[in-house]
Full PDB file with SEQRES, HELIX, SHEET, SSBOND, CRYST1, ORIGX, SCALE, CONECT and MASTER records, all heavy atoms in Angstrom:
SEQRES   1 A   45  SER ASN THR TYR MET LYS ASN ALA ILE ALA PRO ASP LEU          
SEQRES   2 A   45  PHE VAL GLY LEU GLU ASN LYS THR LYS HIS TRP THR LEU          
SEQRES   3 A   45  GLY VAL GLY ALA ASP LEU LYS THR ILE LYS PRO GLU PRO          
SEQRES   4 A   45  LEU ASN ASP ALA THR ILE                                      
HELIX    1 AA1 THR A    3  ALA A    8  1                                   6    
SHEET    1 AA1 2 LEU A  13  LYS A  20  0                                        
SHEET    2 AA1 2 THR A  25  LEU A  32 -1                                        
CRYST1    1.000    1.000    1.000  90.00  90.00  90.00 P 1           1          
ORIGX1      1.000000  0.000000  0.000000        0.00000                         
ORIGX2      0.000000  1.000000  0.000000        0.00000                         
ORIGX3      0.000000  0.000000  1.000000        0.00000                         
SCALE1      1.000000  0.000000  0.000000        0.00000                         
SCALE2      0.000000  1.000000  0.000000        0.00000                         
SCALE3      0.000000  0.000000  1.000000        0.00000                         
ATOM      1  N   SER A   1      12.358   4.240  -7.966  1.00  0.00           N  
ATOM      2  CA  SER A   1      12.797   5.103  -6.863  1.00  0.00           C  
ATOM      3  C   SER A   1      11.740   5.132  -5.762  1.00  0.00           C  
ATOM      4  O   SER A   1      10.538   5.109  -6.036  1.00  0.00           O  
ATOM      5  CB  SER A   1      13.056   6.522  -7.368  1.00  0.00           C  
ATOM      6  OG  SER A   1      13.360   7.393  -6.300  1.00  0.00           O  
ATOM      7  N   ASN A   2      12.214   5.211  -4.509  1.00  0.00           N  
ATOM      8  CA  ASN A   2      11.282   5.356  -3.388  1.00  0.00           C  
ATOM      9  C   ASN A   2      10.913   6.820  -3.135  1.00  0.00           C  
ATOM     10  O   ASN A   2      10.101   7.112  -2.254  1.00  0.00           O  
ATOM     11  CB  ASN A   2      11.866   4.741  -2.117  1.00  0.00           C  
ATOM     12  CG  ASN A   2      13.105   5.473  -1.626  1.00  0.00           C  
ATOM     13  OD1 ASN A   2      13.687   6.306  -2.330  1.00  0.00           O  
ATOM     14  ND2 ASN A   2      13.535   5.170  -0.424  1.00  0.00           N  
ATOM     15  N   THR A   3      11.492   7.753  -3.914  1.00  0.00           N  
ATOM     16  CA  THR A   3      11.197   9.173  -3.693  1.00  0.00           C  
ATOM     17  C   THR A   3       9.759   9.522  -4.068  1.00  0.00           C  
ATOM     18  O   THR A   3       9.206  10.494  -3.534  1.00  0.00           O  
ATOM     19  CB  THR A   3      12.150  10.072  -4.505  1.00  0.00           C  
ATOM     20  OG1 THR A   3      12.019   9.758  -5.907  1.00  0.00           O  
ATOM     21  CG2 THR A   3      13.592   9.859  -4.080  1.00  0.00           C  
ATOM     22  N   TYR A   4       9.126   8.749  -4.951  1.00  0.00           N  
ATOM     23  CA  TYR A   4       7.753   9.051  -5.342  1.00  0.00           C  
ATOM     24  C   TYR A   4       6.805   8.918  -4.143  1.00  0.00           C  
ATOM     25  O   TYR A   4       5.902   9.739  -3.971  1.00  0.00           O  
ATOM     26  CB  TYR A   4       7.297   8.124  -6.468  1.00  0.00           C  
ATOM     27  CG  TYR A   4       8.257   8.034  -7.624  1.00  0.00           C  
ATOM     28  CD1 TYR A   4       8.657   6.807  -8.131  1.00  0.00           C  
ATOM     29  CD2 TYR A   4       8.793   9.179  -8.222  1.00  0.00           C  
ATOM     30  CE1 TYR A   4       9.540   6.705  -9.190  1.00  0.00           C  
ATOM     31  CE2 TYR A   4       9.680   9.096  -9.273  1.00  0.00           C  
ATOM     32  CZ  TYR A   4      10.057   7.846  -9.752  1.00  0.00           C  
ATOM     33  OH  TYR A   4      10.942   7.758 -10.792  1.00  0.00           O  
ATOM     34  N   MET A   5       7.010   7.910  -3.317  1.00  0.00           N  
ATOM     35  CA  MET A   5       6.173   7.757  -2.119  1.00  0.00           C  
ATOM     36  C   MET A   5       6.588   8.752  -1.048  1.00  0.00           C  
ATOM     37  O   MET A   5       5.741   9.288  -0.322  1.00  0.00           O  
ATOM     38  CB  MET A   5       6.248   6.329  -1.580  1.00  0.00           C  
ATOM     39  CG  MET A   5       5.372   6.104  -0.353  1.00  0.00           C  
ATOM     40  SD  MET A   5       5.161   4.373   0.105  1.00  0.00           S  
ATOM     41  CE  MET A   5       3.979   3.860  -1.153  1.00  0.00           C  
ATOM     42  N   LYS A   6       7.891   9.026  -0.940  1.00  0.00           N  
ATOM     43  CA  LYS A   6       8.356  10.021   0.034  1.00  0.00           C  
ATOM     44  C   LYS A   6       7.739  11.381  -0.261  1.00  0.00           C  
ATOM     45  O   LYS A   6       7.302  12.104   0.651  1.00  0.00           O  
ATOM     46  CB  LYS A   6       9.877  10.116  -0.004  1.00  0.00           C  
ATOM     47  CG  LYS A   6      10.587   8.905   0.586  1.00  0.00           C  
ATOM     48  CD  LYS A   6      12.060   8.883   0.239  1.00  0.00           C  
ATOM     49  CE  LYS A   6      12.821  10.018   0.861  1.00  0.00           C  
ATOM     50  NZ  LYS A   6      14.280   9.913   0.574  1.00  0.00           N  
ATOM     51  N   ASN A   7       7.667  11.727  -1.549  1.00  0.00           N  
ATOM     52  CA  ASN A   7       7.100  13.019  -1.929  1.00  0.00           C  
ATOM     53  C   ASN A   7       5.594  13.088  -1.688  1.00  0.00           C  
ATOM     54  O   ASN A   7       5.024  14.171  -1.502  1.00  0.00           O  
ATOM     55  CB  ASN A   7       7.385  13.319  -3.397  1.00  0.00           C  
ATOM     56  CG  ASN A   7       8.855  13.556  -3.659  1.00  0.00           C  
ATOM     57  OD1 ASN A   7       9.604  13.937  -2.762  1.00  0.00           O  
ATOM     58  ND2 ASN A   7       9.293  13.315  -4.890  1.00  0.00           N  
ATOM     59  N   ALA A   8       4.937  11.943  -1.709  1.00  0.00           N  
ATOM     60  CA  ALA A   8       3.489  11.908  -1.474  1.00  0.00           C  
ATOM     61  C   ALA A   8       3.151  11.942   0.013  1.00  0.00           C  
ATOM     62  O   ALA A   8       1.976  12.103   0.386  1.00  0.00           O  
ATOM     63  CB  ALA A   8       2.884  10.667  -2.115  1.00  0.00           C  
ATOM     64  N   ILE A   9       4.129  11.759   0.872  1.00  0.00           N  
ATOM     65  CA  ILE A   9       3.994  11.810   2.329  1.00  0.00           C  
ATOM     66  C   ILE A   9       3.263  10.589   2.891  1.00  0.00           C  
ATOM     67  O   ILE A   9       3.730   9.925   3.809  1.00  0.00           O  
ATOM     68  CB  ILE A   9       3.279  13.102   2.808  1.00  0.00           C  
ATOM     69  CG1 ILE A   9       3.957  14.341   2.209  1.00  0.00           C  
ATOM     70  CG2 ILE A   9       3.274  13.168   4.343  1.00  0.00           C  
ATOM     71  CD1 ILE A   9       5.383  14.533   2.589  1.00  0.00           C  
ATOM     72  N   ALA A  10       2.096  10.265   2.359  1.00  0.00           N  
ATOM     73  CA  ALA A  10       1.256   9.205   2.919  1.00  0.00           C  
ATOM     74  C   ALA A  10       1.900   7.833   2.760  1.00  0.00           C  
ATOM     75  O   ALA A  10       2.479   7.528   1.717  1.00  0.00           O  
ATOM     76  CB  ALA A  10      -0.112   9.216   2.246  1.00  0.00           C  
ATOM     77  N   PRO A  11       1.788   6.969   3.777  1.00  0.00           N  
ATOM     78  CA  PRO A  11       2.342   5.614   3.663  1.00  0.00           C  
ATOM     79  C   PRO A  11       1.422   4.691   2.869  1.00  0.00           C  
ATOM     80  O   PRO A  11       0.249   4.999   2.615  1.00  0.00           O  
ATOM     81  CB  PRO A  11       2.424   5.161   5.124  1.00  0.00           C  
ATOM     82  CG  PRO A  11       1.282   5.873   5.786  1.00  0.00           C  
ATOM     83  CD  PRO A  11       1.204   7.224   5.109  1.00  0.00           C  
ATOM     84  N   ASP A  12       1.959   3.572   2.485  1.00  0.00           N  
ATOM     85  CA  ASP A  12       1.202   2.470   1.908  1.00  0.00           C  
ATOM     86  C   ASP A  12       0.421   1.813   3.052  1.00  0.00           C  
ATOM     87  O   ASP A  12       0.992   1.484   4.089  1.00  0.00           O  
ATOM     88  CB  ASP A  12       2.201   1.491   1.273  1.00  0.00           C  
ATOM     89  CG  ASP A  12       1.572   0.245   0.692  1.00  0.00           C  
ATOM     90  OD1 ASP A  12       0.349   0.072   0.814  1.00  0.00           O  
ATOM     91  OD2 ASP A  12       2.318  -0.574   0.122  1.00  0.00           O  
ATOM     92  N   LEU A  13      -0.888   1.602   2.878  1.00  0.00           N  
ATOM     93  CA  LEU A  13      -1.731   1.059   3.937  1.00  0.00           C  
ATOM     94  C   LEU A  13      -2.281  -0.305   3.546  1.00  0.00           C  
ATOM     95  O   LEU A  13      -2.754  -0.493   2.416  1.00  0.00           O  
ATOM     96  CB  LEU A  13      -2.892   2.015   4.237  1.00  0.00           C  
ATOM     97  CG  LEU A  13      -2.505   3.420   4.709  1.00  0.00           C  
ATOM     98  CD1 LEU A  13      -3.741   4.295   4.829  1.00  0.00           C  
ATOM     99  CD2 LEU A  13      -1.745   3.363   6.033  1.00  0.00           C  
ATOM    100  N   PHE A  14      -2.232  -1.245   4.495  1.00  0.00           N  
ATOM    101  CA  PHE A  14      -2.706  -2.611   4.240  1.00  0.00           C  
ATOM    102  C   PHE A  14      -3.594  -3.070   5.374  1.00  0.00           C  
ATOM    103  O   PHE A  14      -3.346  -2.767   6.551  1.00  0.00           O  
ATOM    104  CB  PHE A  14      -1.517  -3.575   4.115  1.00  0.00           C  
ATOM    105  CG  PHE A  14      -1.929  -5.028   4.004  1.00  0.00           C  
ATOM    106  CD1 PHE A  14      -2.174  -5.599   2.763  1.00  0.00           C  
ATOM    107  CD2 PHE A  14      -2.086  -5.814   5.145  1.00  0.00           C  
ATOM    108  CE1 PHE A  14      -2.567  -6.928   2.655  1.00  0.00           C  
ATOM    109  CE2 PHE A  14      -2.478  -7.145   5.039  1.00  0.00           C  
ATOM    110  CZ  PHE A  14      -2.721  -7.692   3.788  1.00  0.00           C  
ATOM    111  N   VAL A  15      -4.627  -3.856   5.050  1.00  0.00           N  
ATOM    112  CA  VAL A  15      -5.443  -4.532   6.053  1.00  0.00           C  
ATOM    113  C   VAL A  15      -5.816  -5.905   5.510  1.00  0.00           C  
ATOM    114  O   VAL A  15      -6.095  -6.053   4.309  1.00  0.00           O  
ATOM    115  CB  VAL A  15      -6.707  -3.718   6.407  1.00  0.00           C  
ATOM    116  CG1 VAL A  15      -7.612  -3.537   5.197  1.00  0.00           C  
ATOM    117  CG2 VAL A  15      -7.460  -4.355   7.564  1.00  0.00           C  
ATOM    118  N   GLY A  16      -5.771  -6.932   6.370  1.00  0.00           N  
ATOM    119  CA  GLY A  16      -6.061  -8.280   5.897  1.00  0.00           C  
ATOM    120  C   GLY A  16      -6.600  -9.175   7.001  1.00  0.00           C  
ATOM    121  O   GLY A  16      -6.386  -8.931   8.199  1.00  0.00           O  
ATOM    122  N   LEU A  17      -7.323 -10.220   6.606  1.00  0.00           N  
ATOM    123  CA  LEU A  17      -7.858 -11.238   7.512  1.00  0.00           C  
ATOM    124  C   LEU A  17      -7.304 -12.597   7.112  1.00  0.00           C  
ATOM    125  O   LEU A  17      -7.201 -12.903   5.922  1.00  0.00           O  
ATOM    126  CB  LEU A  17      -9.383 -11.282   7.454  1.00  0.00           C  
ATOM    127  CG  LEU A  17     -10.173 -10.220   8.227  1.00  0.00           C  
ATOM    128  CD1 LEU A  17     -11.636 -10.285   7.834  1.00  0.00           C  
ATOM    129  CD2 LEU A  17     -10.007 -10.405   9.732  1.00  0.00           C  
ATOM    130  N   GLU A  18      -6.961 -13.414   8.107  1.00  0.00           N  
ATOM    131  CA  GLU A  18      -6.470 -14.769   7.827  1.00  0.00           C  
ATOM    132  C   GLU A  18      -7.067 -15.750   8.821  1.00  0.00           C  
ATOM    133  O   GLU A  18      -7.113 -15.480  10.030  1.00  0.00           O  
ATOM    134  CB  GLU A  18      -4.947 -14.819   7.900  1.00  0.00           C  
ATOM    135  CG  GLU A  18      -4.367 -16.194   7.564  1.00  0.00           C  
ATOM    136  CD  GLU A  18      -2.860 -16.190   7.482  1.00  0.00           C  
ATOM    137  OE1 GLU A  18      -2.314 -15.764   6.441  1.00  0.00           O  
ATOM    138  OE2 GLU A  18      -2.210 -16.615   8.465  1.00  0.00           O  
ATOM    139  N   ASN A  19      -7.529 -16.880   8.298  1.00  0.00           N  
ATOM    140  CA  ASN A  19      -8.066 -17.958   9.129  1.00  0.00           C  
ATOM    141  C   ASN A  19      -7.185 -19.195   8.927  1.00  0.00           C  
ATOM    142  O   ASN A  19      -7.018 -19.674   7.802  1.00  0.00           O  
ATOM    143  CB  ASN A  19      -9.506 -18.270   8.735  1.00  0.00           C  
ATOM    144  CG  ASN A  19     -10.191 -19.164   9.764  1.00  0.00           C  
ATOM    145  OD1 ASN A  19     -10.502 -18.731  10.869  1.00  0.00           O  
ATOM    146  ND2 ASN A  19     -10.420 -20.413   9.408  1.00  0.00           N  
ATOM    147  N   LYS A  20      -6.619 -19.702  10.023  1.00  0.00           N  
ATOM    148  CA  LYS A  20      -5.670 -20.806   9.943  1.00  0.00           C  
ATOM    149  C   LYS A  20      -6.078 -21.934  10.864  1.00  0.00           C  
ATOM    150  O   LYS A  20      -6.230 -21.741  12.079  1.00  0.00           O  
ATOM    151  CB  LYS A  20      -4.258 -20.313  10.290  1.00  0.00           C  
ATOM    152  CG  LYS A  20      -3.174 -21.338  10.029  1.00  0.00           C  
ATOM    153  CD  LYS A  20      -1.797 -20.731  10.184  1.00  0.00           C  
ATOM    154  CE  LYS A  20      -0.707 -21.721   9.824  1.00  0.00           C  
ATOM    155  NZ  LYS A  20       0.638 -21.112   9.932  1.00  0.00           N  
ATOM    156  N   THR A  21      -6.273 -23.128  10.281  1.00  0.00           N  
ATOM    157  CA  THR A  21      -6.589 -24.328  11.037  1.00  0.00           C  
ATOM    158  C   THR A  21      -5.469 -25.347  10.830  1.00  0.00           C  
ATOM    159  O   THR A  21      -4.426 -25.025  10.245  1.00  0.00           O  
ATOM    160  CB  THR A  21      -7.938 -24.910  10.587  1.00  0.00           C  
ATOM    161  OG1 THR A  21      -7.852 -25.256   9.195  1.00  0.00           O  
ATOM    162  CG2 THR A  21      -9.058 -23.892  10.773  1.00  0.00           C  
ATOM    163  N   LYS A  22      -5.704 -26.588  11.270  1.00  0.00           N  
ATOM    164  CA  LYS A  22      -4.662 -27.610  11.170  1.00  0.00           C  
ATOM    165  C   LYS A  22      -4.214 -27.835   9.732  1.00  0.00           C  
ATOM    166  O   LYS A  22      -3.015 -27.942   9.450  1.00  0.00           O  
ATOM    167  CB  LYS A  22      -5.180 -28.921  11.771  1.00  0.00           C  
ATOM    168  CG  LYS A  22      -4.159 -30.054  11.728  1.00  0.00           C  
ATOM    169  CD  LYS A  22      -4.723 -31.331  12.327  1.00  0.00           C  
ATOM    170  CE  LYS A  22      -3.698 -32.465  12.247  1.00  0.00           C  
ATOM    171  NZ  LYS A  22      -4.235 -33.734  12.825  1.00  0.00           N  
ATOM    172  N   HIS A  23      -5.166 -27.885   8.818  1.00  0.00           N  
ATOM    173  CA  HIS A  23      -4.836 -28.197   7.429  1.00  0.00           C  
ATOM    174  C   HIS A  23      -4.994 -27.005   6.479  1.00  0.00           C  
ATOM    175  O   HIS A  23      -4.361 -26.975   5.422  1.00  0.00           O  
ATOM    176  CB  HIS A  23      -5.707 -29.346   6.918  1.00  0.00           C  
ATOM    177  CG  HIS A  23      -5.478 -30.642   7.634  1.00  0.00           C  
ATOM    178  ND1 HIS A  23      -4.276 -31.311   7.621  1.00  0.00           N  
ATOM    179  CD2 HIS A  23      -6.314 -31.396   8.407  1.00  0.00           C  
ATOM    180  CE1 HIS A  23      -4.365 -32.414   8.328  1.00  0.00           C  
ATOM    181  NE2 HIS A  23      -5.586 -32.492   8.823  1.00  0.00           N  
ATOM    182  N   TRP A  24      -5.830 -26.045   6.839  1.00  0.00           N  
ATOM    183  CA  TRP A  24      -6.181 -24.964   5.914  1.00  0.00           C  
ATOM    184  C   TRP A  24      -5.680 -23.603   6.384  1.00  0.00           C  
ATOM    185  O   TRP A  24      -5.707 -23.296   7.577  1.00  0.00           O  
ATOM    186  CB  TRP A  24      -7.698 -24.878   5.737  1.00  0.00           C  
ATOM    187  CG  TRP A  24      -8.284 -25.936   4.867  1.00  0.00           C  
ATOM    188  CD1 TRP A  24      -8.847 -27.114   5.264  1.00  0.00           C  
ATOM    189  CD2 TRP A  24      -8.344 -25.920   3.429  1.00  0.00           C  
ATOM    190  NE1 TRP A  24      -9.267 -27.840   4.181  1.00  0.00           N  
ATOM    191  CE2 TRP A  24      -8.980 -27.137   3.036  1.00  0.00           C  
ATOM    192  CE3 TRP A  24      -7.941 -25.023   2.447  1.00  0.00           C  
ATOM    193  CZ2 TRP A  24      -9.216 -27.452   1.705  1.00  0.00           C  
ATOM    194  CZ3 TRP A  24      -8.171 -25.343   1.123  1.00  0.00           C  
ATOM    195  CH2 TRP A  24      -8.798 -26.537   0.758  1.00  0.00           C  
ATOM    196  N   THR A  25      -5.219 -22.795   5.416  1.00  0.00           N  
ATOM    197  CA  THR A  25      -4.946 -21.374   5.630  1.00  0.00           C  
ATOM    198  C   THR A  25      -5.690 -20.604   4.551  1.00  0.00           C  
ATOM    199  O   THR A  25      -5.466 -20.832   3.355  1.00  0.00           O  
ATOM    200  CB  THR A  25      -3.451 -21.050   5.542  1.00  0.00           C  
ATOM    201  OG1 THR A  25      -2.745 -21.809   6.525  1.00  0.00           O  
ATOM    202  CG2 THR A  25      -3.204 -19.572   5.775  1.00  0.00           C  
ATOM    203  N   LEU A  26      -6.588 -19.713   4.963  1.00  0.00           N  
ATOM    204  CA  LEU A  26      -7.385 -18.902   4.037  1.00  0.00           C  
ATOM    205  C   LEU A  26      -7.221 -17.439   4.404  1.00  0.00           C  
ATOM    206  O   LEU A  26      -7.250 -17.086   5.592  1.00  0.00           O  
ATOM    207  CB  LEU A  26      -8.867 -19.284   4.099  1.00  0.00           C  
ATOM    208  CG  LEU A  26      -9.223 -20.757   3.832  1.00  0.00           C  
ATOM    209  CD1 LEU A  26     -10.685 -21.005   4.144  1.00  0.00           C  
ATOM    210  CD2 LEU A  26      -8.913 -21.116   2.389  1.00  0.00           C  
ATOM    211  N   GLY A  27      -7.041 -16.566   3.396  1.00  0.00           N  
ATOM    212  CA  GLY A  27      -6.844 -15.163   3.717  1.00  0.00           C  
ATOM    213  C   GLY A  27      -7.230 -14.229   2.597  1.00  0.00           C  
ATOM    214  O   GLY A  27      -7.280 -14.621   1.421  1.00  0.00           O  
ATOM    215  N   VAL A  28      -7.516 -12.983   2.963  1.00  0.00           N  
ATOM    216  CA  VAL A  28      -7.780 -11.898   2.015  1.00  0.00           C  
ATOM    217  C   VAL A  28      -7.078 -10.648   2.530  1.00  0.00           C  
ATOM    218  O   VAL A  28      -6.843 -10.493   3.728  1.00  0.00           O  
ATOM    219  CB  VAL A  28      -9.294 -11.620   1.847  1.00  0.00           C  
ATOM    220  CG1 VAL A  28      -9.996 -12.785   1.175  1.00  0.00           C  
ATOM    221  CG2 VAL A  28      -9.944 -11.303   3.196  1.00  0.00           C  
ATOM    222  N   GLY A  29      -6.735  -9.751   1.612  1.00  0.00           N  
ATOM    223  CA  GLY A  29      -6.088  -8.507   2.014  1.00  0.00           C  
ATOM    224  C   GLY A  29      -6.304  -7.421   0.985  1.00  0.00           C  
ATOM    225  O   GLY A  29      -6.576  -7.704  -0.186  1.00  0.00           O  
ATOM    226  N   ALA A  30      -6.209  -6.178   1.429  1.00  0.00           N  
ATOM    227  CA  ALA A  30      -6.344  -5.020   0.541  1.00  0.00           C  
ATOM    228  C   ALA A  30      -5.250  -4.020   0.863  1.00  0.00           C  
ATOM    229  O   ALA A  30      -4.849  -3.859   2.022  1.00  0.00           O  
ATOM    230  CB  ALA A  30      -7.717  -4.375   0.699  1.00  0.00           C  
ATOM    231  N   ASP A  31      -4.758  -3.343  -0.180  1.00  0.00           N  
ATOM    232  CA  ASP A  31      -3.612  -2.440  -0.033  1.00  0.00           C  
ATOM    233  C   ASP A  31      -3.871  -1.165  -0.815  1.00  0.00           C  
ATOM    234  O   ASP A  31      -4.369  -1.199  -1.945  1.00  0.00           O  
ATOM    235  CB  ASP A  31      -2.345  -3.129  -0.558  1.00  0.00           C  
ATOM    236  CG  ASP A  31      -1.098  -2.318  -0.314  1.00  0.00           C  
ATOM    237  OD1 ASP A  31      -0.598  -2.342   0.819  1.00  0.00           O  
ATOM    238  OD2 ASP A  31      -0.623  -1.657  -1.249  1.00  0.00           O  
ATOM    239  N   LEU A  32      -3.554  -0.022  -0.227  1.00  0.00           N  
ATOM    240  CA  LEU A  32      -3.727   1.280  -0.881  1.00  0.00           C  
ATOM    241  C   LEU A  32      -2.446   2.084  -0.746  1.00  0.00           C  
ATOM    242  O   LEU A  32      -1.956   2.315   0.360  1.00  0.00           O  
ATOM    243  CB  LEU A  32      -4.889   2.052  -0.245  1.00  0.00           C  
ATOM    244  CG  LEU A  32      -5.122   3.472  -0.783  1.00  0.00           C  
ATOM    245  CD1 LEU A  32      -5.583   3.436  -2.238  1.00  0.00           C  
ATOM    246  CD2 LEU A  32      -6.133   4.212   0.083  1.00  0.00           C  
ATOM    247  N   LYS A  33      -1.883   2.499  -1.895  1.00  0.00           N  
ATOM    248  CA  LYS A  33      -0.683   3.331  -1.847  1.00  0.00           C  
ATOM    249  C   LYS A  33      -0.854   4.547  -2.747  1.00  0.00           C  
ATOM    250  O   LYS A  33      -1.586   4.513  -3.739  1.00  0.00           O  
ATOM    251  CB  LYS A  33       0.562   2.537  -2.248  1.00  0.00           C  
ATOM    252  CG  LYS A  33       0.645   2.126  -3.702  1.00  0.00           C  
ATOM    253  CD  LYS A  33       2.008   1.520  -3.993  1.00  0.00           C  
ATOM    254  CE  LYS A  33       2.098   1.041  -5.440  1.00  0.00           C  
ATOM    255  NZ  LYS A  33       1.396  -0.213  -5.679  1.00  0.00           N  
ATOM    256  N   THR A  34      -0.180   5.620  -2.396  1.00  0.00           N  
ATOM    257  CA  THR A  34      -0.229   6.874  -3.144  1.00  0.00           C  
ATOM    258  C   THR A  34       1.196   7.347  -3.404  1.00  0.00           C  
ATOM    259  O   THR A  34       2.025   7.340  -2.500  1.00  0.00           O  
ATOM    260  CB  THR A  34      -0.995   7.954  -2.364  1.00  0.00           C  
ATOM    261  OG1 THR A  34      -2.331   7.508  -2.123  1.00  0.00           O  
ATOM    262  CG2 THR A  34      -1.048   9.262  -3.152  1.00  0.00           C  
ATOM    263  N   ILE A  35       1.471   7.742  -4.635  1.00  0.00           N  
ATOM    264  CA  ILE A  35       2.787   8.263  -4.975  1.00  0.00           C  
ATOM    265  C   ILE A  35       2.639   9.601  -5.714  1.00  0.00           C  
ATOM    266  O   ILE A  35       1.590   9.893  -6.286  1.00  0.00           O  
ATOM    267  CB  ILE A  35       3.602   7.278  -5.834  1.00  0.00           C  
ATOM    268  CG1 ILE A  35       2.885   6.994  -7.159  1.00  0.00           C  
ATOM    269  CG2 ILE A  35       3.880   5.997  -5.074  1.00  0.00           C  
ATOM    270  CD1 ILE A  35       3.712   6.148  -8.131  1.00  0.00           C  
ATOM    271  N   LYS A  36       3.713  10.370  -5.666  1.00  0.00           N  
ATOM    272  CA  LYS A  36       3.781  11.657  -6.366  1.00  0.00           C  
ATOM    273  C   LYS A  36       4.985  11.583  -7.310  1.00  0.00           C  
ATOM    274  O   LYS A  36       6.121  11.813  -6.902  1.00  0.00           O  
ATOM    275  CB  LYS A  36       3.936  12.796  -5.363  1.00  0.00           C  
ATOM    276  CG  LYS A  36       3.903  14.193  -5.961  1.00  0.00           C  
ATOM    277  CD  LYS A  36       4.047  15.233  -4.856  1.00  0.00           C  
ATOM    278  CE  LYS A  36       4.004  16.649  -5.413  1.00  0.00           C  
ATOM    279  NZ  LYS A  36       4.185  17.670  -4.351  1.00  0.00           N  
ATOM    280  N   PRO A  37       4.753  11.274  -8.594  1.00  0.00           N  
ATOM    281  CA  PRO A  37       5.874  11.001  -9.510  1.00  0.00           C  
ATOM    282  C   PRO A  37       6.810  12.176  -9.758  1.00  0.00           C  
ATOM    283  O   PRO A  37       8.006  11.969  -9.958  1.00  0.00           O  
ATOM    284  CB  PRO A  37       5.178  10.573 -10.801  1.00  0.00           C  
ATOM    285  CG  PRO A  37       3.848  10.052 -10.349  1.00  0.00           C  
ATOM    286  CD  PRO A  37       3.465  10.935  -9.201  1.00  0.00           C  
ATOM    287  N   GLU A  38       6.285  13.410  -9.775  1.00  0.00           N  
ATOM    288  CA  GLU A  38       7.132  14.572 -10.044  1.00  0.00           C  
ATOM    289  C   GLU A  38       7.072  15.529  -8.853  1.00  0.00           C  
ATOM    290  O   GLU A  38       6.001  16.017  -8.505  1.00  0.00           O  
ATOM    291  CB  GLU A  38       6.683  15.272 -11.323  1.00  0.00           C  
ATOM    292  CG  GLU A  38       6.815  14.378 -12.559  1.00  0.00           C  
ATOM    293  CD  GLU A  38       6.456  15.103 -13.837  1.00  0.00           C  
ATOM    294  OE1 GLU A  38       6.298  16.334 -13.800  1.00  0.00           O  
ATOM    295  OE2 GLU A  38       6.334  14.432 -14.881  1.00  0.00           O  
ATOM    296  N   PRO A  39       8.215  15.806  -8.215  1.00  0.00           N  
ATOM    297  CA  PRO A  39       8.213  16.575  -6.957  1.00  0.00           C  
ATOM    298  C   PRO A  39       7.646  17.987  -7.080  1.00  0.00           C  
ATOM    299  O   PRO A  39       7.080  18.501  -6.120  1.00  0.00           O  
ATOM    300  CB  PRO A  39       9.699  16.605  -6.562  1.00  0.00           C  
ATOM    301  CG  PRO A  39      10.443  16.341  -7.828  1.00  0.00           C  
ATOM    302  CD  PRO A  39       9.578  15.421  -8.625  1.00  0.00           C  
ATOM    303  N   LEU A  40       7.788  18.633  -8.244  1.00  0.00           N  
ATOM    304  CA  LEU A  40       7.309  20.004  -8.410  1.00  0.00           C  
ATOM    305  C   LEU A  40       5.921  20.054  -9.038  1.00  0.00           C  
ATOM    306  O   LEU A  40       5.473  21.111  -9.473  1.00  0.00           O  
ATOM    307  CB  LEU A  40       8.301  20.804  -9.259  1.00  0.00           C  
ATOM    308  CG  LEU A  40       9.728  20.895  -8.695  1.00  0.00           C  
ATOM    309  CD1 LEU A  40      10.612  21.720  -9.612  1.00  0.00           C  
ATOM    310  CD2 LEU A  40       9.715  21.500  -7.286  1.00  0.00           C  
ATOM    311  N   ASN A  41       5.270  18.909  -9.068  1.00  0.00           N  
ATOM    312  CA  ASN A  41       3.926  18.825  -9.641  1.00  0.00           C  
ATOM    313  C   ASN A  41       3.000  18.254  -8.577  1.00  0.00           C  
ATOM    314  O   ASN A  41       3.332  17.289  -7.889  1.00  0.00           O  
ATOM    315  CB  ASN A  41       3.961  17.900 -10.871  1.00  0.00           C  
ATOM    316  CG  ASN A  41       2.686  17.972 -11.673  1.00  0.00           C  
ATOM    317  OD1 ASN A  41       1.601  18.096 -11.127  1.00  0.00           O  
ATOM    318  ND2 ASN A  41       2.808  17.889 -12.979  1.00  0.00           N  
ATOM    319  N   ASP A  42       1.815  18.834  -8.431  1.00  0.00           N  
ATOM    320  CA  ASP A  42       0.893  18.389  -7.387  1.00  0.00           C  
ATOM    321  C   ASP A  42       0.159  17.098  -7.721  1.00  0.00           C  
ATOM    322  O   ASP A  42      -0.513  16.526  -6.858  1.00  0.00           O  
ATOM    323  CB  ASP A  42      -0.147  19.487  -7.103  1.00  0.00           C  
ATOM    324  CG  ASP A  42       0.469  20.709  -6.438  1.00  0.00           C  
ATOM    325  OD1 ASP A  42       1.507  20.541  -5.760  1.00  0.00           O  
ATOM    326  OD2 ASP A  42      -0.071  21.820  -6.600  1.00  0.00           O  
ATOM    327  N   ALA A  43       0.253  16.618  -8.959  1.00  0.00           N  
ATOM    328  CA  ALA A  43      -0.495  15.428  -9.358  1.00  0.00           C  
ATOM    329  C   ALA A  43       0.033  14.178  -8.644  1.00  0.00           C  
ATOM    330  O   ALA A  43       1.233  13.916  -8.626  1.00  0.00           O  
ATOM    331  CB  ALA A  43      -0.406  15.230 -10.868  1.00  0.00           C  
ATOM    332  N   THR A  44      -0.880  13.424  -8.035  1.00  0.00           N  
ATOM    333  CA  THR A  44      -0.555  12.159  -7.392  1.00  0.00           C  
ATOM    334  C   THR A  44      -1.410  11.049  -8.009  1.00  0.00           C  
ATOM    335  O   THR A  44      -2.357  11.325  -8.747  1.00  0.00           O  
ATOM    336  CB  THR A  44      -0.811  12.207  -5.883  1.00  0.00           C  
ATOM    337  OG1 THR A  44      -2.216  12.451  -5.650  1.00  0.00           O  
ATOM    338  CG2 THR A  44       0.004  13.315  -5.221  1.00  0.00           C  
ATOM    339  N   ILE A  45      -1.072   9.819  -7.700  1.00  0.00           N  
ATOM    340  CA  ILE A  45      -1.896   8.692  -8.139  1.00  0.00           C  
ATOM    341  C   ILE A  45      -2.000   7.693  -6.996  1.00  0.00           C  
ATOM    342  O   ILE A  45      -0.996   7.332  -6.370  1.00  0.00           O  
ATOM    343  CB  ILE A  45      -1.345   8.021  -9.407  1.00  0.00           C  
ATOM    344  CG1 ILE A  45      -2.245   6.837  -9.799  1.00  0.00           C  
ATOM    345  CG2 ILE A  45       0.109   7.605  -9.268  1.00  0.00           C  
ATOM    346  CD1 ILE A  45      -1.978   6.275 -11.159  1.00  0.00           C  
TER     347      ILE A  45                                                      
MASTER        0    0    0    1    2    0    0    6  346    1    0    4          
END                                                                             
């Protein structure tokens, strides 16, 4: 369900770097997401 992220309010955040030449594509990225599994419980992950 997408309600776990909706209940946590905060969006999934991503940042990445990519270097692309004629023959090579190299990249790295990092992603952080927060969800709230139970709507009546304050615990998030």
